[in-house]
């Protein structure tokens, strides 16, 4: 049943791959522009500012990356990087698992994490050092 949920989620994501890649590219462009901004010292010193961003190349790279993750069935990497809440992926998972609503799915996930230490540890491992930094 979980294989069906993953397949359904991947299908839902694949139908929105171009938009999701564009959203990630949008953020990358914002980041590059932000990093290229001069601080007040450079401005005062008379530094010239020219920021060039090749958004189309970035987009094509991002789209190819997402398509490769979809082809590899790497749902974990997709969830970690892309805004899947903006796609029908969660609804597809709910349907594939024969649950009646997203709320029931979320409750089932919370119950699983509360009761299964190995699954909880695996999930926390996806966050790297963040859980330790918070505690």
C-alpha atoms as a PDB file:
ATOM      1  CA  UNK A   1       0.000   0.000   0.000  1.00  0.00           C
ATOM      2  CA  UNK A   2       2.844   2.419   0.712  1.00  0.00           C
ATOM      3  CA  UNK A   3       4.270   1.712  -2.752  1.00  0.00           C
ATOM      4  CA  UNK A   4       0.948   2.826  -4.209  1.00  0.00           C
ATOM      5  CA  UNK A   5       1.056   5.983  -2.082  1.00  0.00           C
ATOM      6  CA  UNK A   6       4.568   6.798  -3.290  1.00  0.00           C
ATOM      7  CA  UNK A   7       3.594   6.141  -6.905  1.00  0.00           C
ATOM      8  CA  UNK A   8       0.524   8.355  -6.539  1.00  0.00           C
ATOM      9  CA  UNK A   9       2.558  11.147  -4.968  1.00  0.00           C
ATOM     10  CA  UNK A  10       5.198  10.927  -7.699  1.00  0.00           C
ATOM     11  CA  UNK A  11       2.523  11.104 -10.376  1.00  0.00           C
ATOM     12  CA  UNK A  12       0.960  14.165  -8.741  1.00  0.00           C
ATOM     13  CA  UNK A  13       4.352  15.857  -8.443  1.00  0.00           C
ATOM     14  CA  UNK A  14       5.282  15.039 -12.044  1.00  0.00           C
ATOM     15  CA  UNK A  15       2.202  16.890 -13.281  1.00  0.00           C
ATOM     16  CA  UNK A  16       3.449  20.026 -11.499  1.00  0.00           C
ATOM     17  CA  UNK A  17       7.184  19.610 -12.133  1.00  0.00           C
ATOM     18  CA  UNK A  18       7.573  22.716 -14.283  1.00  0.00           C
ATOM     19  CA  UNK A  19       5.859  24.994 -11.768  1.00  0.00           C
ATOM     20  CA  UNK A  20       7.737  23.487  -8.817  1.00  0.00           C
ATOM     21  CA  UNK A  21      11.064  23.874 -10.628  1.00  0.00           C
ATOM     22  CA  UNK A  22      10.127  27.471 -11.437  1.00  0.00           C
ATOM     23  CA  UNK A  23       9.294  28.130  -7.767  1.00  0.00           C
ATOM     24  CA  UNK A  24      12.659  26.762  -6.647  1.00  0.00           C
ATOM     25  CA  UNK A  25      14.387  28.789  -9.357  1.00  0.00           C
ATOM     26  CA  UNK A  26      12.553  31.892  -8.174  1.00  0.00           C
ATOM     27  CA  UNK A  27      13.992  31.381  -4.695  1.00  0.00           C
ATOM     28  CA  UNK A  28      17.482  30.723  -6.076  1.00  0.00           C
ATOM     29  CA  UNK A  29      17.320  33.912  -8.151  1.00  0.00           C
ATOM     30  CA  UNK A  30      16.253  35.888  -5.074  1.00  0.00           C
ATOM     31  CA  UNK A  31      19.130  34.375  -3.112  1.00  0.00           C
ATOM     32  CA  UNK A  32      21.697  35.207  -5.809  1.00  0.00           C
ATOM     33  CA  UNK A  33      20.449  38.774  -6.076  1.00  0.00           C
ATOM     34  CA  UNK A  34      20.512  39.143  -2.312  1.00  0.00           C
ATOM     35  CA  UNK A  35      24.065  37.797  -2.109  1.00  0.00           C
ATOM     36  CA  UNK A  36      25.181  40.222  -4.828  1.00  0.00           C
ATOM     37  CA  UNK A  37      23.830  43.310  -3.095  1.00  0.00           C
ATOM     38  CA  UNK A  38      26.516  45.641  -1.839  1.00  0.00           C
ATOM     39  CA  UNK A  39      26.658  46.600   1.801  1.00  0.00           C
ATOM     40  CA  UNK A  40      26.807  50.228   2.849  1.00  0.00           C
ATOM     41  CA  UNK A  41      30.600  50.213   2.938  1.00  0.00           C
ATOM     42  CA  UNK A  42      30.835  49.190  -0.719  1.00  0.00           C
ATOM     43  CA  UNK A  43      28.228  51.749  -1.681  1.00  0.00           C
ATOM     44  CA  UNK A  44      30.061  54.486   0.220  1.00  0.00           C
ATOM     45  CA  UNK A  45      33.313  53.461  -1.457  1.00  0.00           C
ATOM     46  CA  UNK A  46      31.650  53.941  -4.833  1.00  0.00           C
ATOM     47  CA  UNK A  47      31.516  50.303  -5.856  1.00  0.00           C
ATOM     48  CA  UNK A  48      29.540  49.589  -8.985  1.00  0.00           C
ATOM     49  CA  UNK A  49      26.856  46.926  -8.718  1.00  0.00           C
ATOM     50  CA  UNK A  50      26.020  44.645 -11.620  1.00  0.00           C
ATOM     51  CA  UNK A  51      24.034  41.531 -10.868  1.00  0.00           C
ATOM     52  CA  UNK A  52      23.363  39.091 -13.666  1.00  0.00           C
ATOM     53  CA  UNK A  53      21.352  35.955 -13.100  1.00  0.00           C
ATOM     54  CA  UNK A  54      20.720  33.361 -15.798  1.00  0.00           C
ATOM     55  CA  UNK A  55      17.300  32.301 -14.576  1.00  0.00           C
ATOM     56  CA  UNK A  56      16.580  30.114 -17.607  1.00  0.00           C
ATOM     57  CA  UNK A  57      19.703  28.006 -17.129  1.00  0.00           C
ATOM     58  CA  UNK A  58      18.933  27.707 -13.437  1.00  0.00           C
ATOM     59  CA  UNK A  59      15.353  26.702 -14.255  1.00  0.00           C
ATOM     60  CA  UNK A  60      16.407  24.067 -16.785  1.00  0.00           C
ATOM     61  CA  UNK A  61      18.887  22.622 -14.271  1.00  0.00           C
ATOM     62  CA  UNK A  62      16.256  22.584 -11.526  1.00  0.00           C
ATOM     63  CA  UNK A  63      13.681  20.964 -13.804  1.00  0.00           C
ATOM     64  CA  UNK A  64      16.164  18.295 -14.899  1.00  0.00           C
ATOM     65  CA  UNK A  65      17.013  17.616 -11.248  1.00  0.00           C
ATOM     66  CA  UNK A  66      13.346  17.241 -10.305  1.00  0.00           C
ATOM     67  CA  UNK A  67      12.632  15.018 -13.295  1.00  0.00           C
ATOM     68  CA  UNK A  68      15.602  12.816 -12.364  1.00  0.00           C
ATOM     69  CA  UNK A  69      14.305  12.502  -8.793  1.00  0.00           C
ATOM     70  CA  UNK A  70      10.870  11.553 -10.114  1.00  0.00           C
ATOM     71  CA  UNK A  71      12.386   8.967 -12.474  1.00  0.00           C
ATOM     72  CA  UNK A  72      14.409   7.531  -9.568  1.00  0.00           C
ATOM     73  CA  UNK A  73      11.258   7.382  -7.384  1.00  0.00           C
ATOM     74  CA  UNK A  74      13.144   9.446  -4.796  1.00  0.00           C
ATOM     75  CA  UNK A  75      10.139  10.797  -2.941  1.00  0.00           C
ATOM     76  CA  UNK A  76      12.251  11.602   0.131  1.00  0.00           C
ATOM     77  CA  UNK A  77      14.476  14.029  -1.785  1.00  0.00           C
ATOM     78  CA  UNK A  78      11.461  15.551  -3.523  1.00  0.00           C
ATOM     79  CA  UNK A  79       9.671  16.168  -0.229  1.00  0.00           C
ATOM     80  CA  UNK A  80      12.844  17.633   1.278  1.00  0.00           C
ATOM     81  CA  UNK A  81      13.414  20.126  -1.546  1.00  0.00           C
ATOM     82  CA  UNK A  82      10.131  20.980  -3.237  1.00  0.00           C
ATOM     83  CA  UNK A  83       6.854  22.531  -2.029  1.00  0.00           C
ATOM     84  CA  UNK A  84       4.684  19.438  -2.490  1.00  0.00           C
ATOM     85  CA  UNK A  85       1.883  21.027  -0.458  1.00  0.00           C
ATOM     86  CA  UNK A  86       1.301  23.150  -3.568  1.00  0.00           C
ATOM     87  CA  UNK A  87       0.457  19.994  -5.540  1.00  0.00           C
ATOM     88  CA  UNK A  88      -2.213  17.302  -5.231  1.00  0.00           C
ATOM     89  CA  UNK A  89       0.460  14.908  -3.877  1.00  0.00           C
ATOM     90  CA  UNK A  90      -0.857  14.780  -0.317  1.00  0.00           C
ATOM     91  CA  UNK A  91      -4.372  14.104  -1.555  1.00  0.00           C
ATOM     92  CA  UNK A  92      -3.014  11.357  -3.798  1.00  0.00           C
ATOM     93  CA  UNK A  93      -1.265   9.766  -0.815  1.00  0.00           C
ATOM     94  CA  UNK A  94      -4.454   9.940   1.254  1.00  0.00           C
ATOM     95  CA  UNK A  95      -6.441   8.288  -1.533  1.00  0.00           C
ATOM     96  CA  UNK A  96      -3.821   5.576  -2.145  1.00  0.00           C
ATOM     97  CA  UNK A  97      -3.800   4.721   1.563  1.00  0.00           C
ATOM     98  CA  UNK A  98      -7.619   4.502   1.555  1.00  0.00           C
ATOM     99  CA  UNK A  99      -7.966   7.227   4.161  1.00  0.00           C
ATOM    100  CA  UNK A 100     -10.953   9.542   4.181  1.00  0.00           C
ATOM    101  CA  UNK A 101      -9.163  12.846   4.699  1.00  0.00           C
ATOM    102  CA  UNK A 102      -5.854  14.628   5.018  1.00  0.00           C
ATOM    103  CA  UNK A 103      -6.553  15.098   8.734  1.00  0.00           C
ATOM    104  CA  UNK A 104      -6.796  11.315   9.194  1.00  0.00           C
ATOM    105  CA  UNK A 105      -3.533  10.869   7.276  1.00  0.00           C
ATOM    106  CA  UNK A 106      -1.777  13.450   9.449  1.00  0.00           C
ATOM    107  CA  UNK A 107      -3.177  11.797  12.591  1.00  0.00           C
ATOM    108  CA  UNK A 108      -1.931   8.400  11.385  1.00  0.00           C
ATOM    109  CA  UNK A 109       1.543   9.839  10.780  1.00  0.00           C
ATOM    110  CA  UNK A 110       1.609  11.443  14.239  1.00  0.00           C
ATOM    111  CA  UNK A 111       0.518   8.144  15.828  1.00  0.00           C
ATOM    112  CA  UNK A 112       3.190   6.225  13.913  1.00  0.00           C
ATOM    113  CA  UNK A 113       5.888   8.664  15.015  1.00  0.00           C
ATOM    114  CA  UNK A 114       4.706   8.554  18.628  1.00  0.00           C
ATOM    115  CA  UNK A 115       4.695   4.751  18.749  1.00  0.00           C
ATOM    116  CA  UNK A 116       7.598   3.739  16.496  1.00  0.00           C
ATOM    117  CA  UNK A 117      10.986   4.915  17.775  1.00  0.00           C
ATOM    118  CA  UNK A 118      12.849   3.707  14.673  1.00  0.00           C
ATOM    119  CA  UNK A 119      10.581   5.659  12.331  1.00  0.00           C
ATOM    120  CA  UNK A 120      10.802   8.724  14.571  1.00  0.00           C
ATOM    121  CA  UNK A 121      14.622   8.490  14.599  1.00  0.00           C
ATOM    122  CA  UNK A 122      14.694   8.115  10.808  1.00  0.00           C
ATOM    123  CA  UNK A 123      12.513  11.205  10.410  1.00  0.00           C
ATOM    124  CA  UNK A 124      14.607  13.254  12.830  1.00  0.00           C
ATOM    125  CA  UNK A 125      17.718  12.139  10.935  1.00  0.00           C
ATOM    126  CA  UNK A 126      16.380  13.926   7.865  1.00  0.00           C
ATOM    127  CA  UNK A 127      16.712  17.207   9.766  1.00  0.00           C
ATOM    128  CA  UNK A 128      20.449  16.797  10.343  1.00  0.00           C
ATOM    129  CA  UNK A 129      21.685  18.695  13.408  1.00  0.00           C
ATOM    130  CA  UNK A 130      18.520  20.780  13.796  1.00  0.00           C
ATOM    131  CA  UNK A 131      16.831  18.631  16.495  1.00  0.00           C
ATOM    132  CA  UNK A 132      19.974  18.735  18.657  1.00  0.00           C
ATOM    133  CA  UNK A 133      20.303  22.485  18.146  1.00  0.00           C
ATOM    134  CA  UNK A 134      16.722  23.025  19.285  1.00  0.00           C
ATOM    135  CA  UNK A 135      17.014  20.854  22.408  1.00  0.00           C
END
